[in-house]
Amino acid sequence: MPLTQLDATAALVVIDLQKGIAGLPTVHPASEIVDRTAQLARAFRERGWPVVLVNVAGAAPGRTDAGMPKFSRPADWAELMPELDQQPGDSIVTKQRWGAFLGTSLDNTLRQRGVTQIFLTGISTSAGVESTARSAYDLGYNVVLVVDAMTDRSADAHQHCVEKIFPRLGETETTENILKALRGR
């Protein structure tokens, strides 16, 4: 896999690494996803690039065959994972949908900072990450999907996104390769 080219200004967009979601069973341990994302966040901050921490606090109102979740959310459901080491310069986006662009100020925030490329991590690969990637692609961003810094509740859904969907929306990359590129190696 070739190293991704870095744009002049990129942002790390972290999807739903919050207590309520990171506590759900996933294909890859959420602790590893959080750790890799925290490494990337430190590297982006060191470079002076934006880090956007996205959490979800609601759901779209439409009906689905799956219905609404049948459990009550604990009080700390939407709190970001402390390992992300939220900094005062980070942007926080709270969404009410799967994707981080619809109904939020994310696009405006990124454009004001001159961002042309976004790196995506988070949970869940087939919902929040994919929905955000699709919107970012449609909005004209260069999208990099950090495939070892995301996971899903379904192995099949995760694999399908990584192998079939993501190559059509952007570039797929690993944490290690991105850290090397950010550090100029």
C-alpha atoms as a PDB file:
ATOM      1  CA  MET A   1       0.000   0.000   0.000  1.00  0.00           C
ATOM      2  CA  PRO A   2       1.610   3.339  -1.014  1.00  0.00           C
ATOM      3  CA  LEU A   3       1.951   6.129   1.521  1.00  0.00           C
ATOM      4  CA  THR A   4      -0.833   8.680   1.279  1.00  0.00           C
ATOM      5  CA  GLN A   5       0.147  12.122   0.011  1.00  0.00           C
ATOM      6  CA  LEU A   6      -0.467  14.809   2.619  1.00  0.00           C
ATOM      7  CA  ASP A   7      -2.310  17.964   1.575  1.00  0.00           C
ATOM      8  CA  ALA A   8      -1.152  21.362   2.860  1.00  0.00           C
ATOM      9  CA  THR A   9      -3.847  21.273   5.547  1.00  0.00           C
ATOM     10  CA  ALA A  10      -5.515  18.101   6.748  1.00  0.00           C
ATOM     11  CA  ALA A  11      -7.710  17.276   9.726  1.00  0.00           C
ATOM     12  CA  LEU A  12      -8.243  14.179  11.814  1.00  0.00           C
ATOM     13  CA  VAL A  13     -11.964  13.474  12.209  1.00  0.00           C
ATOM     14  CA  VAL A  14     -12.703  10.983  14.982  1.00  0.00           C
ATOM     15  CA  ILE A  15     -16.103   9.300  14.823  1.00  0.00           C
ATOM     16  CA  ASP A  16     -18.013   8.255  17.954  1.00  0.00           C
ATOM     17  CA  LEU A  17     -15.126   7.233  20.217  1.00  0.00           C
ATOM     18  CA  GLN A  18     -17.319   7.853  23.205  1.00  0.00           C
ATOM     19  CA  LYS A  19     -18.008   5.840  26.325  1.00  0.00           C
ATOM     20  CA  GLY A  20     -21.393   4.469  25.276  1.00  0.00           C
ATOM     21  CA  ILE A  21     -20.244   3.238  21.882  1.00  0.00           C
ATOM     22  CA  ALA A  22     -16.707   2.126  22.769  1.00  0.00           C
ATOM     23  CA  GLY A  23     -18.313  -0.059  25.436  1.00  0.00           C
ATOM     24  CA  LEU A  24     -20.301  -2.085  22.900  1.00  0.00           C
ATOM     25  CA  PRO A  25     -18.937  -5.394  21.560  1.00  0.00           C
ATOM     26  CA  THR A  26     -16.893  -4.841  18.392  1.00  0.00           C
ATOM     27  CA  VAL A  27     -14.868  -6.959  15.965  1.00  0.00           C
ATOM     28  CA  HIS A  28     -11.564  -5.336  16.963  1.00  0.00           C
ATOM     29  CA  PRO A  29     -11.004  -4.244  20.577  1.00  0.00           C
ATOM     30  CA  ALA A  30     -12.203  -0.672  21.019  1.00  0.00           C
ATOM     31  CA  SER A  31      -9.204   0.009  23.261  1.00  0.00           C
ATOM     32  CA  GLU A  32      -6.884  -0.572  20.273  1.00  0.00           C
ATOM     33  CA  ILE A  33      -8.954   1.743  18.070  1.00  0.00           C
ATOM     34  CA  VAL A  34      -8.890   4.455  20.744  1.00  0.00           C
ATOM     35  CA  ASP A  35      -5.131   4.013  21.252  1.00  0.00           C
ATOM     36  CA  ARG A  36      -4.313   4.311  17.543  1.00  0.00           C
ATOM     37  CA  THR A  37      -6.592   7.325  17.216  1.00  0.00           C
ATOM     38  CA  ALA A  38      -4.963   8.976  20.247  1.00  0.00           C
ATOM     39  CA  GLN A  39      -1.552   8.520  18.595  1.00  0.00           C
ATOM     40  CA  LEU A  40      -2.831  10.159  15.432  1.00  0.00           C
ATOM     41  CA  ALA A  41      -4.443  12.995  17.393  1.00  0.00           C
ATOM     42  CA  ARG A  42      -1.118  13.770  19.118  1.00  0.00           C
ATOM     43  CA  ALA A  43       0.691  13.795  15.758  1.00  0.00           C
ATOM     44  CA  PHE A  44      -1.928  16.061  14.141  1.00  0.00           C
ATOM     45  CA  ARG A  45      -1.770  18.480  17.082  1.00  0.00           C
ATOM     46  CA  GLU A  46       2.043  18.523  16.942  1.00  0.00           C
ATOM     47  CA  ARG A  47       1.797  19.512  13.289  1.00  0.00           C
ATOM     48  CA  GLY A  48      -0.752  22.235  14.119  1.00  0.00           C
ATOM     49  CA  TRP A  49      -3.524  20.514  12.179  1.00  0.00           C
ATOM     50  CA  PRO A  50      -7.127  20.314  13.386  1.00  0.00           C
ATOM     51  CA  VAL A  51      -8.466  17.426  15.408  1.00  0.00           C
ATOM     52  CA  VAL A  52     -12.245  17.050  15.318  1.00  0.00           C
ATOM     53  CA  LEU A  53     -13.816  14.833  17.961  1.00  0.00           C
ATOM     54  CA  VAL A  54     -17.312  13.747  16.970  1.00  0.00           C
ATOM     55  CA  ASN A  55     -19.850  12.174  19.286  1.00  0.00           C
ATOM     56  CA  VAL A  56     -23.436  11.161  18.717  1.00  0.00           C
ATOM     57  CA  ALA A  57     -26.234  12.173  21.056  1.00  0.00           C
ATOM     58  CA  GLY A  58     -29.333  11.228  19.095  1.00  0.00           C
ATOM     59  CA  ALA A  59     -30.726   9.463  16.071  1.00  0.00           C
ATOM     60  CA  ALA A  60     -32.520  10.340  12.868  1.00  0.00           C
ATOM     61  CA  PRO A  61     -36.290  10.374  13.377  1.00  0.00           C
ATOM     62  CA  GLY A  62     -37.261   8.112  10.471  1.00  0.00           C
ATOM     63  CA  ARG A  63     -38.701   4.625  10.830  1.00  0.00           C
ATOM     64  CA  THR A  64     -36.567   1.567  10.059  1.00  0.00           C
ATOM     65  CA  ASP A  65     -37.132  -2.178  10.011  1.00  0.00           C
ATOM     66  CA  ALA A  66     -34.536  -2.479  12.778  1.00  0.00           C
ATOM     67  CA  GLY A  67     -36.451  -0.037  14.974  1.00  0.00           C
ATOM     68  CA  MET A  68     -34.993   2.114  17.704  1.00  0.00           C
ATOM     69  CA  PRO A  69     -32.463   0.641  20.157  1.00  0.00           C
ATOM     70  CA  LYS A  70     -34.207  -1.017  23.068  1.00  0.00           C
ATOM     71  CA  PHE A  71     -31.896   0.010  25.880  1.00  0.00           C
ATOM     72  CA  SER A  72     -31.519   3.127  27.969  1.00  0.00           C
ATOM     73  CA  ARG A  73     -28.353   5.112  27.523  1.00  0.00           C
ATOM     74  CA  PRO A  74     -26.267   5.748  30.614  1.00  0.00           C
ATOM     75  CA  ALA A  75     -25.636   9.366  31.632  1.00  0.00           C
ATOM     76  CA  ASP A  76     -22.048   9.266  30.297  1.00  0.00           C
ATOM     77  CA  TRP A  77     -23.078   7.720  26.931  1.00  0.00           C
ATOM     78  CA  ALA A  78     -21.848  10.656  24.790  1.00  0.00           C
ATOM     79  CA  GLU A  79     -18.686  11.479  26.783  1.00  0.00           C
ATOM     80  CA  LEU A  80     -15.553  11.190  24.664  1.00  0.00           C
ATOM     81  CA  MET A  81     -13.007   8.572  25.650  1.00  0.00           C
ATOM     82  CA  PRO A  82     -10.494  10.217  28.015  1.00  0.00           C
ATOM     83  CA  GLU A  83      -7.568   8.551  26.211  1.00  0.00           C
ATOM     84  CA  LEU A  84      -8.186  10.935  23.297  1.00  0.00           C
ATOM     85  CA  ASP A  85      -6.801  13.689  25.566  1.00  0.00           C
ATOM     86  CA  GLN A  86      -9.183  16.373  24.322  1.00  0.00           C
ATOM     87  CA  GLN A  87      -7.338  19.684  23.989  1.00  0.00           C
ATOM     88  CA  PRO A  88      -8.712  23.254  24.012  1.00  0.00           C
ATOM     89  CA  GLY A  89      -7.907  23.652  20.293  1.00  0.00           C
ATOM     90  CA  ASP A  90      -9.858  20.554  19.265  1.00  0.00           C
ATOM     91  CA  SER A  91     -13.236  20.991  17.604  1.00  0.00           C
ATOM     92  CA  ILE A  92     -16.141  19.087  19.124  1.00  0.00           C
ATOM     93  CA  VAL A  93     -19.049  18.109  16.913  1.00  0.00           C
ATOM     94  CA  THR A  94     -22.155  16.511  18.377  1.00  0.00           C
ATOM     95  CA  LYS A  95     -24.294  14.849  15.745  1.00  0.00           C
ATOM     96  CA  GLN A  96     -27.825  13.491  15.670  1.00  0.00           C
ATOM     97  CA  ARG A  97     -27.334  11.313  12.584  1.00  0.00           C
ATOM     98  CA  TRP A  98     -24.899   8.623  11.431  1.00  0.00           C
ATOM     99  CA  GLY A  99     -22.713  11.016   9.450  1.00  0.00           C
ATOM    100  CA  ALA A 100     -20.848  13.951  10.979  1.00  0.00           C
ATOM    101  CA  PHE A 101     -21.640  16.495   8.229  1.00  0.00           C
ATOM    102  CA  LEU A 102     -25.436  16.491   8.001  1.00  0.00           C
ATOM    103  CA  GLY A 103     -26.993  18.931  10.446  1.00  0.00           C
ATOM    104  CA  THR A 104     -23.676  20.073  11.964  1.00  0.00           C
ATOM    105  CA  SER A 105     -21.145  22.851  11.386  1.00  0.00           C
ATOM    106  CA  LEU A 106     -18.349  20.410  10.478  1.00  0.00           C
ATOM    107  CA  ASP A 107     -17.982  21.458   6.834  1.00  0.00           C
ATOM    108  CA  ASN A 108     -17.900  25.151   7.757  1.00  0.00           C
ATOM    109  CA  THR A 109     -15.369  24.519  10.547  1.00  0.00           C
ATOM    110  CA  LEU A 110     -13.046  22.617   8.217  1.00  0.00           C
ATOM    111  CA  ARG A 111     -13.341  25.135   5.371  1.00  0.00           C
ATOM    112  CA  GLN A 112     -12.563  28.035   7.727  1.00  0.00           C
ATOM    113  CA  ARG A 113      -9.330  26.246   8.642  1.00  0.00           C
ATOM    114  CA  GLY A 114      -8.413  25.630   4.980  1.00  0.00           C
ATOM    115  CA  VAL A 115      -8.738  21.850   5.285  1.00  0.00           C
ATOM    116  CA  THR A 116      -8.782  19.928   2.002  1.00  0.00           C
ATOM    117  CA  GLN A 117      -8.062  16.434   3.328  1.00  0.00           C
ATOM    118  CA  ILE A 118      -9.620  14.492   6.181  1.00  0.00           C
ATOM    119  CA  PHE A 119      -8.390  11.367   7.933  1.00  0.00           C
ATOM    120  CA  LEU A 120     -11.192   9.273   9.436  1.00  0.00           C
ATOM    121  CA  THR A 121     -11.099   6.907  12.403  1.00  0.00           C
ATOM    122  CA  GLY A 122     -13.758   5.561  14.744  1.00  0.00           C
ATOM    123  CA  ILE A 123     -16.672   3.278  15.425  1.00  0.00           C
ATOM    124  CA  SER A 124     -18.610   2.077  13.497  1.00  0.00           C
ATOM    125  CA  THR A 125     -16.987   1.391  10.159  1.00  0.00           C
ATOM    126  CA  SER A 126     -20.298   0.691   8.368  1.00  0.00           C
ATOM    127  CA  ALA A 127     -22.341   3.486   9.949  1.00  0.00           C
ATOM    128  CA  GLY A 128     -20.725   6.654  11.318  1.00  0.00           C
ATOM    129  CA  VAL A 129     -17.398   6.300   9.507  1.00  0.00           C
ATOM    130  CA  GLU A 130     -18.874   5.316   6.147  1.00  0.00           C
ATOM    131  CA  SER A 131     -21.615   7.966   6.292  1.00  0.00           C
ATOM    132  CA  THR A 132     -19.071  10.668   7.121  1.00  0.00           C
ATOM    133  CA  ALA A 133     -16.724   9.446   4.371  1.00  0.00           C
ATOM    134  CA  ARG A 134     -19.504   9.544   1.779  1.00  0.00           C
ATOM    135  CA  SER A 135     -20.416  13.125   2.675  1.00  0.00           C
ATOM    136  CA  ALA A 136     -16.760  14.216   2.774  1.00  0.00           C
ATOM    137  CA  TYR A 137     -16.207  12.714  -0.670  1.00  0.00           C
ATOM    138  CA  ASP A 138     -19.355  14.401  -2.019  1.00  0.00           C
ATOM    139  CA  LEU A 139     -18.189  17.734  -0.546  1.00  0.00           C
ATOM    140  CA  GLY A 140     -14.858  17.469  -2.362  1.00  0.00           C
ATOM    141  CA  TYR A 141     -12.481  16.542   0.450  1.00  0.00           C
ATOM    142  CA  ASN A 142      -9.607  14.145  -0.114  1.00  0.00           C
ATOM    143  CA  VAL A 143     -10.598  11.322   2.214  1.00  0.00           C
ATOM    144  CA  VAL A 144      -8.173   8.975   3.956  1.00  0.00           C
ATOM    145  CA  LEU A 145      -9.690   6.063   5.858  1.00  0.00           C
ATOM    146  CA  VAL A 146      -7.426   4.757   8.605  1.00  0.00           C
ATOM    147  CA  VAL A 147      -8.542   1.148   8.421  1.00  0.00           C
ATOM    148  CA  ASP A 148      -6.706  -0.125  11.517  1.00  0.00           C
ATOM    149  CA  ALA A 149      -8.162   2.710  13.609  1.00  0.00           C
ATOM    150  CA  MET A 150     -11.795   1.784  13.036  1.00  0.00           C
ATOM    151  CA  THR A 151     -14.029  -1.132  13.871  1.00  0.00           C
ATOM    152  CA  ASP A 152     -17.600  -2.336  13.648  1.00  0.00           C
ATOM    153  CA  ARG A 153     -19.978  -4.655  15.452  1.00  0.00           C
ATOM    154  CA  SER A 154     -20.027  -6.889  12.344  1.00  0.00           C
ATOM    155  CA  ALA A 155     -16.892  -8.423  10.808  1.00  0.00           C
ATOM    156  CA  ASP A 156     -18.646  -8.766   7.434  1.00  0.00           C
ATOM    157  CA  ALA A 157     -19.793  -5.129   7.411  1.00  0.00           C
ATOM    158  CA  HIS A 158     -16.313  -3.900   8.395  1.00  0.00           C
ATOM    159  CA  GLN A 159     -14.622  -5.997   5.705  1.00  0.00           C
ATOM    160  CA  HIS A 160     -17.126  -4.956   3.036  1.00  0.00           C
ATOM    161  CA  CYS A 161     -16.520  -1.259   3.765  1.00  0.00           C
ATOM    162  CA  VAL A 162     -12.737  -1.584   3.832  1.00  0.00           C
ATOM    163  CA  GLU A 163     -12.488  -3.716   0.686  1.00  0.00           C
ATOM    164  CA  LYS A 164     -15.398  -2.551  -1.483  1.00  0.00           C
ATOM    165  CA  ILE A 165     -16.704   0.861  -0.395  1.00  0.00           C
ATOM    166  CA  PHE A 166     -13.720   2.829   0.927  1.00  0.00           C
ATOM    167  CA  PRO A 167     -11.473   2.483  -2.151  1.00  0.00           C
ATOM    168  CA  ARG A 168     -14.247   4.271  -4.083  1.00  0.00           C
ATOM    169  CA  LEU A 169     -14.505   7.118  -1.538  1.00  0.00           C
ATOM    170  CA  GLY A 170     -10.851   7.807  -0.839  1.00  0.00           C
ATOM    171  CA  GLU A 171      -7.565   6.226   0.131  1.00  0.00           C
ATOM    172  CA  THR A 172      -7.141   3.492   2.728  1.00  0.00           C
ATOM    173  CA  GLU A 173      -4.146   3.654   5.007  1.00  0.00           C
ATOM    174  CA  THR A 174      -2.720   2.423   8.319  1.00  0.00           C
ATOM    175  CA  THR A 175      -1.886   4.344  11.458  1.00  0.00           C
ATOM    176  CA  GLU A 176       1.800   3.474  11.177  1.00  0.00           C
ATOM    177  CA  ASN A 177       2.075   4.784   7.619  1.00  0.00           C
ATOM    178  CA  ILE A 178       0.256   7.993   8.466  1.00  0.00           C
ATOM    179  CA  LEU A 179       2.465   8.613  11.495  1.00  0.00           C
ATOM    180  CA  LYS A 180       5.546   8.102   9.284  1.00  0.00           C
ATOM    181  CA  ALA A 181       4.200  10.562   6.705  1.00  0.00           C
ATOM    182  CA  LEU A 182       3.364  13.137   9.391  1.00  0.00           C
ATOM    183  CA  ARG A 183       6.859  12.863  10.821  1.00  0.00           C
ATOM    184  CA  GLY A 184       8.457  13.143   7.382  1.00  0.00           C
ATOM    185  CA  ARG A 185       9.909   9.638   7.205  1.00  0.00           C
END
